[in-house]
Each structure stands twice: as C-alpha cells, then as structure tokens.
Full PDB file with SEQRES, HELIX, SHEET, SSBOND, CRYST1, ORIGX, SCALE, CONECT and MASTER records, all heavy atoms in Angstrom:
SEQRES   1 A   36  CYS VAL ILE THR SER VAL THR ARG ASP ASP LEU ASN ASP          
SEQRES   2 A   36  LYS GLY ALA LEU HIS TRP ALA THR THR ILE ASN GLU ILE          
SEQRES   3 A   36  ARG LYS LEU ASN PRO GLY ILE THR MET GLU                      
HELIX    1 AA1 ALA A   16  LEU A   29  1                                  14    
CRYST1    1.000    1.000    1.000  90.00  90.00  90.00 P 1           1          
ORIGX1      1.000000  0.000000  0.000000        0.00000                         
ORIGX2      0.000000  1.000000  0.000000        0.00000                         
ORIGX3      0.000000  0.000000  1.000000        0.00000                         
SCALE1      1.000000  0.000000  0.000000        0.00000                         
SCALE2      0.000000  1.000000  0.000000        0.00000                         
SCALE3      0.000000  0.000000  1.000000        0.00000                         
ATOM      1  N   CYS A   1      -8.137  -5.632  -6.484  1.00  0.00           N  
ATOM      2  CA  CYS A   1      -8.384  -5.276  -5.089  1.00  0.00           C  
ATOM      3  C   CYS A   1      -8.270  -3.770  -4.901  1.00  0.00           C  
ATOM      4  O   CYS A   1      -7.640  -3.074  -5.706  1.00  0.00           O  
ATOM      5  CB  CYS A   1      -7.436  -6.008  -4.146  1.00  0.00           C  
ATOM      6  SG  CYS A   1      -5.720  -5.484  -4.242  1.00  0.00           S  
ATOM      7  N   VAL A   2      -8.894  -3.284  -3.838  1.00  0.00           N  
ATOM      8  CA  VAL A   2      -8.881  -1.864  -3.498  1.00  0.00           C  
ATOM      9  C   VAL A   2      -8.320  -1.709  -2.091  1.00  0.00           C  
ATOM     10  O   VAL A   2      -8.735  -2.406  -1.167  1.00  0.00           O  
ATOM     11  CB  VAL A   2     -10.296  -1.247  -3.572  1.00  0.00           C  
ATOM     12  CG1 VAL A   2     -10.224   0.253  -3.286  1.00  0.00           C  
ATOM     13  CG2 VAL A   2     -10.934  -1.501  -4.919  1.00  0.00           C  
ATOM     14  N   ILE A   3      -7.366  -0.783  -1.943  1.00  0.00           N  
ATOM     15  CA  ILE A   3      -6.744  -0.499  -0.655  1.00  0.00           C  
ATOM     16  C   ILE A   3      -6.940   0.989  -0.350  1.00  0.00           C  
ATOM     17  O   ILE A   3      -6.795   1.839  -1.227  1.00  0.00           O  
ATOM     18  CB  ILE A   3      -5.227  -0.788  -0.677  1.00  0.00           C  
ATOM     19  CG1 ILE A   3      -4.928  -2.142  -1.324  1.00  0.00           C  
ATOM     20  CG2 ILE A   3      -4.655  -0.719   0.736  1.00  0.00           C  
ATOM     21  CD1 ILE A   3      -5.439  -3.325  -0.582  1.00  0.00           C  
ATOM     22  N   THR A   4      -7.257   1.279   0.905  1.00  0.00           N  
ATOM     23  CA  THR A   4      -7.301   2.674   1.350  1.00  0.00           C  
ATOM     24  C   THR A   4      -6.625   2.757   2.720  1.00  0.00           C  
ATOM     25  O   THR A   4      -6.150   1.751   3.245  1.00  0.00           O  
ATOM     26  CB  THR A   4      -8.744   3.207   1.393  1.00  0.00           C  
ATOM     27  OG1 THR A   4      -8.718   4.624   1.620  1.00  0.00           O  
ATOM     28  CG2 THR A   4      -9.570   2.540   2.488  1.00  0.00           C  
ATOM     29  N   SER A   5      -6.569   3.943   3.282  1.00  0.00           N  
ATOM     30  CA  SER A   5      -5.921   4.080   4.595  1.00  0.00           C  
ATOM     31  C   SER A   5      -6.487   5.282   5.332  1.00  0.00           C  
ATOM     32  O   SER A   5      -7.111   6.171   4.746  1.00  0.00           O  
ATOM     33  CB  SER A   5      -4.407   4.263   4.432  1.00  0.00           C  
ATOM     34  OG  SER A   5      -4.082   5.589   4.070  1.00  0.00           O  
ATOM     35  N   VAL A   6      -6.212   5.290   6.629  1.00  0.00           N  
ATOM     36  CA  VAL A   6      -6.436   6.499   7.412  1.00  0.00           C  
ATOM     37  C   VAL A   6      -5.328   7.487   7.050  1.00  0.00           C  
ATOM     38  O   VAL A   6      -4.335   7.125   6.421  1.00  0.00           O  
ATOM     39  CB  VAL A   6      -6.399   6.196   8.925  1.00  0.00           C  
ATOM     40  CG1 VAL A   6      -7.566   5.316   9.320  1.00  0.00           C  
ATOM     41  CG2 VAL A   6      -5.067   5.541   9.315  1.00  0.00           C  
ATOM     42  N   THR A   7      -5.490   8.754   7.434  1.00  0.00           N  
ATOM     43  CA  THR A   7      -4.440   9.753   7.237  1.00  0.00           C  
ATOM     44  C   THR A   7      -3.475   9.686   8.421  1.00  0.00           C  
ATOM     45  O   THR A   7      -3.897   9.681   9.575  1.00  0.00           O  
ATOM     46  CB  THR A   7      -5.044  11.160   7.125  1.00  0.00           C  
ATOM     47  OG1 THR A   7      -5.915  11.196   5.997  1.00  0.00           O  
ATOM     48  CG2 THR A   7      -3.956  12.209   6.949  1.00  0.00           C  
ATOM     49  N   ARG A   8      -2.165   9.634   8.118  1.00  0.00           N  
ATOM     50  CA  ARG A   8      -1.160   9.528   9.167  1.00  0.00           C  
ATOM     51  C   ARG A   8      -0.215  10.725   9.117  1.00  0.00           C  
ATOM     52  O   ARG A   8       0.937  10.623   8.705  1.00  0.00           O  
ATOM     53  CB  ARG A   8      -0.383   8.213   9.022  1.00  0.00           C  
ATOM     54  CG  ARG A   8      -1.214   6.959   9.291  1.00  0.00           C  
ATOM     55  CD  ARG A   8      -1.724   6.881  10.724  1.00  0.00           C  
ATOM     56  NE  ARG A   8      -0.660   6.874  11.710  1.00  0.00           N  
ATOM     57  CZ  ARG A   8      -0.164   5.751  12.254  1.00  0.00           C  
ATOM     58  NH1 ARG A   8      -0.663   4.574  11.920  1.00  0.00           N  
ATOM     59  NH2 ARG A   8       0.802   5.819  13.157  1.00  0.00           N  
ATOM     60  N   ASP A   9      -0.716  11.877   9.541  1.00  0.00           N  
ATOM     61  CA  ASP A   9       0.108  13.086   9.598  1.00  0.00           C  
ATOM     62  C   ASP A   9       1.224  12.970  10.627  1.00  0.00           C  
ATOM     63  O   ASP A   9       2.170  13.769  10.614  1.00  0.00           O  
ATOM     64  CB  ASP A   9      -0.762  14.310   9.916  1.00  0.00           C  
ATOM     65  CG  ASP A   9      -1.679  14.696   8.769  1.00  0.00           C  
ATOM     66  OD1 ASP A   9      -1.295  14.485   7.606  1.00  0.00           O  
ATOM     67  OD2 ASP A   9      -2.776  15.220   9.038  1.00  0.00           O  
ATOM     68  N   ASP A  10       1.141  11.984  11.523  1.00  0.00           N  
ATOM     69  CA  ASP A  10       2.153  11.810  12.557  1.00  0.00           C  
ATOM     70  C   ASP A  10       3.431  11.167  12.038  1.00  0.00           C  
ATOM     71  O   ASP A  10       4.472  11.238  12.693  1.00  0.00           O  
ATOM     72  CB  ASP A  10       1.589  10.952  13.690  1.00  0.00           C  
ATOM     73  CG  ASP A  10       1.174   9.569  13.218  1.00  0.00           C  
ATOM     74  OD1 ASP A  10       0.424   9.488  12.219  1.00  0.00           O  
ATOM     75  OD2 ASP A  10       1.588   8.569  13.834  1.00  0.00           O  
ATOM     76  N   LEU A  11       3.379  10.534  10.869  1.00  0.00           N  
ATOM     77  CA  LEU A  11       4.538   9.842  10.310  1.00  0.00           C  
ATOM     78  C   LEU A  11       5.310  10.762   9.372  1.00  0.00           C  
ATOM     79  O   LEU A  11       4.710  11.513   8.606  1.00  0.00           O  
ATOM     80  CB  LEU A  11       4.089   8.597   9.555  1.00  0.00           C  
ATOM     81  CG  LEU A  11       3.329   7.537  10.375  1.00  0.00           C  
ATOM     82  CD1 LEU A  11       2.833   6.430   9.465  1.00  0.00           C  
ATOM     83  CD2 LEU A  11       4.225   6.981  11.487  1.00  0.00           C  
ATOM     84  N   ASN A  12       6.627  10.674   9.417  1.00  0.00           N  
ATOM     85  CA  ASN A  12       7.457  11.556   8.583  1.00  0.00           C  
ATOM     86  C   ASN A  12       7.148  11.405   7.099  1.00  0.00           C  
ATOM     87  O   ASN A  12       7.142  12.385   6.354  1.00  0.00           O  
ATOM     88  CB  ASN A  12       8.948  11.275   8.836  1.00  0.00           C  
ATOM     89  CG  ASN A  12       9.400  11.760  10.204  1.00  0.00           C  
ATOM     90  OD1 ASN A  12       8.815  12.681  10.776  1.00  0.00           O  
ATOM     91  ND2 ASN A  12      10.436  11.131  10.742  1.00  0.00           N  
ATOM     92  N   ASP A  13       6.893  10.172   6.668  1.00  0.00           N  
ATOM     93  CA  ASP A  13       6.609   9.940   5.248  1.00  0.00           C  
ATOM     94  C   ASP A  13       5.118   9.800   4.974  1.00  0.00           C  
ATOM     95  O   ASP A  13       4.707   9.410   3.896  1.00  0.00           O  
ATOM     96  CB  ASP A  13       7.349   8.706   4.741  1.00  0.00           C  
ATOM     97  CG  ASP A  13       6.774   7.402   5.310  1.00  0.00           C  
ATOM     98  OD1 ASP A  13       5.981   7.461   6.283  1.00  0.00           O  
ATOM     99  OD2 ASP A  13       7.118   6.329   4.778  1.00  0.00           O  
ATOM    100  N   LYS A  14       4.288  10.136   5.987  1.00  0.00           N  
ATOM    101  CA  LYS A  14       2.819  10.078   5.898  1.00  0.00           C  
ATOM    102  C   LYS A  14       2.301   8.668   5.610  1.00  0.00           C  
ATOM    103  O   LYS A  14       1.184   8.495   5.132  1.00  0.00           O  
ATOM    104  CB  LYS A  14       2.297  11.061   4.829  1.00  0.00           C  
ATOM    105  CG  LYS A  14       2.873  12.473   4.948  1.00  0.00           C  
ATOM    106  CD  LYS A  14       2.615  13.097   6.293  1.00  0.00           C  
ATOM    107  CE  LYS A  14       3.202  14.493   6.423  1.00  0.00           C  
ATOM    108  NZ  LYS A  14       4.675  14.522   6.512  1.00  0.00           N  
ATOM    109  N   GLY A  15       3.155   7.683   5.852  1.00  0.00           N  
ATOM    110  CA  GLY A  15       2.761   6.292   5.636  1.00  0.00           C  
ATOM    111  C   GLY A  15       3.077   5.771   4.249  1.00  0.00           C  
ATOM    112  O   GLY A  15       2.688   4.650   3.895  1.00  0.00           O  
ATOM    113  N   ALA A  16       3.813   6.540   3.450  1.00  0.00           N  
ATOM    114  CA  ALA A  16       4.059   6.173   2.050  1.00  0.00           C  
ATOM    115  C   ALA A  16       4.829   4.859   1.916  1.00  0.00           C  
ATOM    116  O   ALA A  16       4.520   4.038   1.045  1.00  0.00           O  
ATOM    117  CB  ALA A  16       4.807   7.299   1.337  1.00  0.00           C  
ATOM    118  N   LEU A  17       5.838   4.637   2.765  1.00  0.00           N  
ATOM    119  CA  LEU A  17       6.612   3.398   2.676  1.00  0.00           C  
ATOM    120  C   LEU A  17       5.743   2.186   2.991  1.00  0.00           C  
ATOM    121  O   LEU A  17       5.842   1.140   2.338  1.00  0.00           O  
ATOM    122  CB  LEU A  17       7.818   3.448   3.622  1.00  0.00           C  
ATOM    123  CG  LEU A  17       8.713   2.203   3.628  1.00  0.00           C  
ATOM    124  CD1 LEU A  17       9.273   1.934   2.231  1.00  0.00           C  
ATOM    125  CD2 LEU A  17       9.844   2.353   4.648  1.00  0.00           C  
ATOM    126  N   HIS A  18       4.886   2.310   3.992  1.00  0.00           N  
ATOM    127  CA  HIS A  18       3.965   1.228   4.340  1.00  0.00           C  
ATOM    128  C   HIS A  18       3.015   0.961   3.170  1.00  0.00           C  
ATOM    129  O   HIS A  18       2.714  -0.193   2.863  1.00  0.00           O  
ATOM    130  CB  HIS A  18       3.185   1.602   5.606  1.00  0.00           C  
ATOM    131  CG  HIS A  18       2.466   0.462   6.241  1.00  0.00           C  
ATOM    132  ND1 HIS A  18       3.069  -0.409   7.119  1.00  0.00           N  
ATOM    133  CD2 HIS A  18       1.178   0.038   6.112  1.00  0.00           C  
ATOM    134  CE1 HIS A  18       2.188  -1.311   7.524  1.00  0.00           C  
ATOM    135  NE2 HIS A  18       1.020  -1.062   6.930  1.00  0.00           N  
ATOM    136  N   TRP A  19       2.552   2.024   2.543  1.00  0.00           N  
ATOM    137  CA  TRP A  19       1.721   1.891   1.347  1.00  0.00           C  
ATOM    138  C   TRP A  19       2.459   1.103   0.269  1.00  0.00           C  
ATOM    139  O   TRP A  19       1.935   0.136  -0.300  1.00  0.00           O  
ATOM    140  CB  TRP A  19       1.366   3.279   0.801  1.00  0.00           C  
ATOM    141  CG  TRP A  19       0.015   3.781   1.152  1.00  0.00           C  
ATOM    142  CD1 TRP A  19      -0.291   4.790   2.025  1.00  0.00           C  
ATOM    143  CD2 TRP A  19      -1.231   3.346   0.625  1.00  0.00           C  
ATOM    144  NE1 TRP A  19      -1.651   4.985   2.072  1.00  0.00           N  
ATOM    145  CE2 TRP A  19      -2.255   4.119   1.224  1.00  0.00           C  
ATOM    146  CE3 TRP A  19      -1.587   2.366  -0.298  1.00  0.00           C  
ATOM    147  CZ2 TRP A  19      -3.608   3.941   0.926  1.00  0.00           C  
ATOM    148  CZ3 TRP A  19      -2.940   2.173  -0.594  1.00  0.00           C  
ATOM    149  CH2 TRP A  19      -3.930   2.956   0.010  1.00  0.00           C  
ATOM    150  N   ALA A  20       3.688   1.525  -0.044  1.00  0.00           N  
ATOM    151  CA  ALA A  20       4.462   0.887  -1.105  1.00  0.00           C  
ATOM    152  C   ALA A  20       4.725  -0.584  -0.782  1.00  0.00           C  
ATOM    153  O   ALA A  20       4.627  -1.456  -1.664  1.00  0.00           O  
ATOM    154  CB  ALA A  20       5.774   1.633  -1.314  1.00  0.00           C  
ATOM    155  N   THR A  21       5.043  -0.869   0.472  1.00  0.00           N  
ATOM    156  CA  THR A  21       5.295  -2.246   0.889  1.00  0.00           C  
ATOM    157  C   THR A  21       4.055  -3.109   0.717  1.00  0.00           C  
ATOM    158  O   THR A  21       4.122  -4.254   0.248  1.00  0.00           O  
ATOM    159  CB  THR A  21       5.766  -2.289   2.360  1.00  0.00           C  
ATOM    160  OG1 THR A  21       6.930  -1.475   2.510  1.00  0.00           O  
ATOM    161  CG2 THR A  21       6.084  -3.708   2.795  1.00  0.00           C  
ATOM    162  N   THR A  22       2.904  -2.565   1.081  1.00  0.00           N  
ATOM    163  CA  THR A  22       1.646  -3.306   0.944  1.00  0.00           C  
ATOM    164  C   THR A  22       1.360  -3.624  -0.517  1.00  0.00           C  
ATOM    165  O   THR A  22       1.012  -4.767  -0.868  1.00  0.00           O  
ATOM    166  CB  THR A  22       0.478  -2.500   1.549  1.00  0.00           C  
ATOM    167  OG1 THR A  22       0.751  -2.221   2.929  1.00  0.00           O  
ATOM    168  CG2 THR A  22      -0.832  -3.268   1.436  1.00  0.00           C  
ATOM    169  N   ILE A  23       1.491  -2.637  -1.382  1.00  0.00           N  
ATOM    170  CA  ILE A  23       1.241  -2.845  -2.811  1.00  0.00           C  
ATOM    171  C   ILE A  23       2.188  -3.908  -3.373  1.00  0.00           C  
ATOM    172  O   ILE A  23       1.769  -4.821  -4.104  1.00  0.00           O  
ATOM    173  CB  ILE A  23       1.393  -1.516  -3.577  1.00  0.00           C  
ATOM    174  CG1 ILE A  23       0.293  -0.535  -3.152  1.00  0.00           C  
ATOM    175  CG2 ILE A  23       1.345  -1.749  -5.095  1.00  0.00           C  
ATOM    176  CD1 ILE A  23       0.535   0.899  -3.596  1.00  0.00           C  
ATOM    177  N   ASN A  24       3.460  -3.811  -3.010  1.00  0.00           N  
ATOM    178  CA  ASN A  24       4.444  -4.765  -3.516  1.00  0.00           C  
ATOM    179  C   ASN A  24       4.206  -6.177  -2.996  1.00  0.00           C  
ATOM    180  O   ASN A  24       4.382  -7.162  -3.731  1.00  0.00           O  
ATOM    181  CB  ASN A  24       5.859  -4.301  -3.158  1.00  0.00           C  
ATOM    182  CG  ASN A  24       6.290  -3.083  -3.959  1.00  0.00           C  
ATOM    183  OD1 ASN A  24       5.856  -2.892  -5.090  1.00  0.00           O  
ATOM    184  ND2 ASN A  24       7.155  -2.258  -3.372  1.00  0.00           N  
ATOM    185  N   GLU A  25       3.798  -6.294  -1.725  1.00  0.00           N  
ATOM    186  CA  GLU A  25       3.508  -7.614  -1.158  1.00  0.00           C  
ATOM    187  C   GLU A  25       2.299  -8.252  -1.838  1.00  0.00           C  
ATOM    188  O   GLU A  25       2.279  -9.464  -2.093  1.00  0.00           O  
ATOM    189  CB  GLU A  25       3.263  -7.500   0.348  1.00  0.00           C  
ATOM    190  CG  GLU A  25       4.511  -7.322   1.177  1.00  0.00           C  
ATOM    191  CD  GLU A  25       5.397  -8.555   1.163  1.00  0.00           C  
ATOM    192  OE1 GLU A  25       4.871  -9.680   1.295  1.00  0.00           O  
ATOM    193  OE2 GLU A  25       6.618  -8.406   1.004  1.00  0.00           O  
ATOM    194  N   ILE A  26       1.282  -7.446  -2.121  1.00  0.00           N  
ATOM    195  CA  ILE A  26       0.098  -7.965  -2.816  1.00  0.00           C  
ATOM    196  C   ILE A  26       0.488  -8.497  -4.191  1.00  0.00           C  
ATOM    197  O   ILE A  26       0.082  -9.595  -4.592  1.00  0.00           O  
ATOM    198  CB  ILE A  26      -0.977  -6.874  -2.938  1.00  0.00           C  
ATOM    199  CG1 ILE A  26      -1.557  -6.543  -1.564  1.00  0.00           C  
ATOM    200  CG2 ILE A  26      -2.102  -7.317  -3.891  1.00  0.00           C  
ATOM    201  CD1 ILE A  26      -2.452  -5.329  -1.546  1.00  0.00           C  
ATOM    202  N   ARG A  27       1.277  -7.730  -4.921  1.00  0.00           N  
ATOM    203  CA  ARG A  27       1.700  -8.154  -6.253  1.00  0.00           C  
ATOM    204  C   ARG A  27       2.575  -9.413  -6.198  1.00  0.00           C  
ATOM    205  O   ARG A  27       2.477 -10.289  -7.059  1.00  0.00           O  
ATOM    206  CB  ARG A  27       2.470  -7.019  -6.923  1.00  0.00           C  
ATOM    207  CG  ARG A  27       1.564  -5.924  -7.465  1.00  0.00           C  
ATOM    208  CD  ARG A  27       1.861  -5.677  -8.940  1.00  0.00           C  
ATOM    209  NE  ARG A  27       0.868  -4.745  -9.477  1.00  0.00           N  
ATOM    210  CZ  ARG A  27       0.980  -3.427  -9.382  1.00  0.00           C  
ATOM    211  NH1 ARG A  27       2.017  -2.889  -8.770  1.00  0.00           N  
ATOM    212  NH2 ARG A  27       0.047  -2.652  -9.909  1.00  0.00           N  
ATOM    213  N   LYS A  28       3.442  -9.479  -5.199  1.00  0.00           N  
ATOM    214  CA  LYS A  28       4.349 -10.612  -5.061  1.00  0.00           C  
ATOM    215  C   LYS A  28       3.585 -11.921  -4.873  1.00  0.00           C  
ATOM    216  O   LYS A  28       3.944 -12.957  -5.448  1.00  0.00           O  
ATOM    217  CB  LYS A  28       5.279 -10.368  -3.871  1.00  0.00           C  
ATOM    218  CG  LYS A  28       6.305 -11.458  -3.617  1.00  0.00           C  
ATOM    219  CD  LYS A  28       7.170 -11.073  -2.425  1.00  0.00           C  
ATOM    220  CE  LYS A  28       8.166 -12.172  -2.069  1.00  0.00           C  
ATOM    221  NZ  LYS A  28       8.982 -11.779  -0.882  1.00  0.00           N  
ATOM    222  N   LEU A  29       2.537 -11.872  -4.068  1.00  0.00           N  
ATOM    223  CA  LEU A  29       1.767 -13.081  -3.751  1.00  0.00           C  
ATOM    224  C   LEU A  29       0.622 -13.322  -4.725  1.00  0.00           C  
ATOM    225  O   LEU A  29       0.071 -14.431  -4.788  1.00  0.00           O  
ATOM    226  CB  LEU A  29       1.224 -12.975  -2.316  1.00  0.00           C  
ATOM    227  CG  LEU A  29       0.844 -14.279  -1.613  1.00  0.00           C  
ATOM    228  CD1 LEU A  29       2.050 -15.208  -1.499  1.00  0.00           C  
ATOM    229  CD2 LEU A  29       0.270 -13.984  -0.230  1.00  0.00           C  
ATOM    230  N   ASN A  30       0.265 -12.290  -5.493  1.00  0.00           N  
ATOM    231  CA  ASN A  30      -0.883 -12.385  -6.411  1.00  0.00           C  
ATOM    232  C   ASN A  30      -0.498 -11.867  -7.793  1.00  0.00           C  
ATOM    233  O   ASN A  30      -0.943 -10.789  -8.218  1.00  0.00           O  
ATOM    234  CB  ASN A  30      -2.065 -11.581  -5.855  1.00  0.00           C  
ATOM    235  CG  ASN A  30      -2.507 -12.043  -4.486  1.00  0.00           C  
ATOM    236  OD1 ASN A  30      -3.344 -12.917  -4.350  1.00  0.00           O  
ATOM    237  ND2 ASN A  30      -1.935 -11.440  -3.439  1.00  0.00           N  
ATOM    238  N   PRO A  31       0.341 -12.614  -8.536  1.00  0.00           N  
ATOM    239  CA  PRO A  31       0.781 -12.151  -9.856  1.00  0.00           C  
ATOM    240  C   PRO A  31      -0.399 -11.876 -10.781  1.00  0.00           C  
ATOM    241  O   PRO A  31      -1.370 -12.635 -10.816  1.00  0.00           O  
ATOM    242  CB  PRO A  31       1.613 -13.333 -10.378  1.00  0.00           C  
ATOM    243  CG  PRO A  31       2.028 -14.090  -9.158  1.00  0.00           C  
ATOM    244  CD  PRO A  31       0.905 -13.924  -8.183  1.00  0.00           C  
ATOM    245  N   GLY A  32      -0.323 -10.759 -11.493  1.00  0.00           N  
ATOM    246  CA  GLY A  32      -1.373 -10.415 -12.444  1.00  0.00           C  
ATOM    247  C   GLY A  32      -2.529  -9.628 -11.861  1.00  0.00           C  
ATOM    248  O   GLY A  32      -3.431  -9.201 -12.586  1.00  0.00           O  
ATOM    249  N   ILE A  33      -2.507  -9.406 -10.539  1.00  0.00           N  
ATOM    250  CA  ILE A  33      -3.608  -8.657  -9.917  1.00  0.00           C  
ATOM    251  C   ILE A  33      -3.561  -7.189 -10.325  1.00  0.00           C  
ATOM    252  O   ILE A  33      -2.494  -6.637 -10.598  1.00  0.00           O  
ATOM    253  CB  ILE A  33      -3.560  -8.777  -8.383  1.00  0.00           C  
ATOM    254  CG1 ILE A  33      -4.880  -8.259  -7.777  1.00  0.00           C  
ATOM    255  CG2 ILE A  33      -2.373  -7.993  -7.802  1.00  0.00           C  
ATOM    256  CD1 ILE A  33      -5.289  -8.926  -6.532  1.00  0.00           C  
ATOM    257  N   THR A  34      -4.735  -6.570 -10.404  1.00  0.00           N  
ATOM    258  CA  THR A  34      -4.815  -5.122 -10.611  1.00  0.00           C  
ATOM    259  C   THR A  34      -5.286  -4.473  -9.318  1.00  0.00           C  
ATOM    260  O   THR A  34      -5.901  -5.121  -8.476  1.00  0.00           O  
ATOM    261  CB  THR A  34      -5.772  -4.772 -11.761  1.00  0.00           C  
ATOM    262  OG1 THR A  34      -7.079  -5.316 -11.468  1.00  0.00           O  
ATOM    263  CG2 THR A  34      -5.271  -5.333 -13.086  1.00  0.00           C  
ATOM    264  N   MET A  35      -4.968  -3.176  -9.180  1.00  0.00           N  
ATOM    265  CA  MET A  35      -5.235  -2.498  -7.915  1.00  0.00           C  
ATOM    266  C   MET A  35      -5.729  -1.076  -8.089  1.00  0.00           C  
ATOM    267  O   MET A  35      -5.304  -0.385  -9.018  1.00  0.00           O  
ATOM    268  CB  MET A  35      -3.956  -2.446  -7.070  1.00  0.00           C  
ATOM    269  CG  MET A  35      -3.827  -3.538  -6.058  1.00  0.00           C  
ATOM    270  SD  MET A  35      -2.289  -3.355  -5.104  1.00  0.00           S  
ATOM    271  CE  MET A  35      -1.182  -4.253  -6.177  1.00  0.00           C  
ATOM    272  N   GLU A  36      -6.608  -0.674  -7.184  1.00  0.00           N  
ATOM    273  CA  GLU A  36      -6.914   0.740  -6.971  1.00  0.00           C  
ATOM    274  C   GLU A  36      -6.450   1.098  -5.574  1.00  0.00           C  
ATOM    275  O   GLU A  36      -6.718   0.361  -4.618  1.00  0.00           O  
ATOM    276  CB  GLU A  36      -8.403   1.029  -7.094  1.00  0.00           C  
ATOM    277  CG  GLU A  36      -8.750   2.473  -6.721  1.00  0.00           C  
ATOM    278  CD  GLU A  36     -10.236   2.805  -6.782  1.00  0.00           C  
ATOM    279  OE1 GLU A  36     -10.960   2.166  -7.566  1.00  0.00           O  
ATOM    280  OE2 GLU A  36     -10.664   3.695  -6.025  1.00  0.00           O  
TER     281      GLU A  36                                                      
MASTER        0    0    0    1    0    0    0    6  280    1    0    3          
END                                                                             
C-alpha cells in the first residue's frame, strides 16, 4: 500500500506521530504488508 499526506506545518511534530501510528496500525492488521 501507498500512504501520503498533506503538509501540516501547524502541528508541532508536523504530523509525524500520526504518520507513525498509521503505519503501525496497517502492519498490525495486515501482517506481511509492504509500504511506500
């Protein structure tokens, strides 16, 4: 799967935690998946 995002300059971490959470949730529910 491929994930992208808008730019979030308004967030202190620029959305990095949300990014990490999304990637981890995808892996948790879809073992063996690859990602861009």
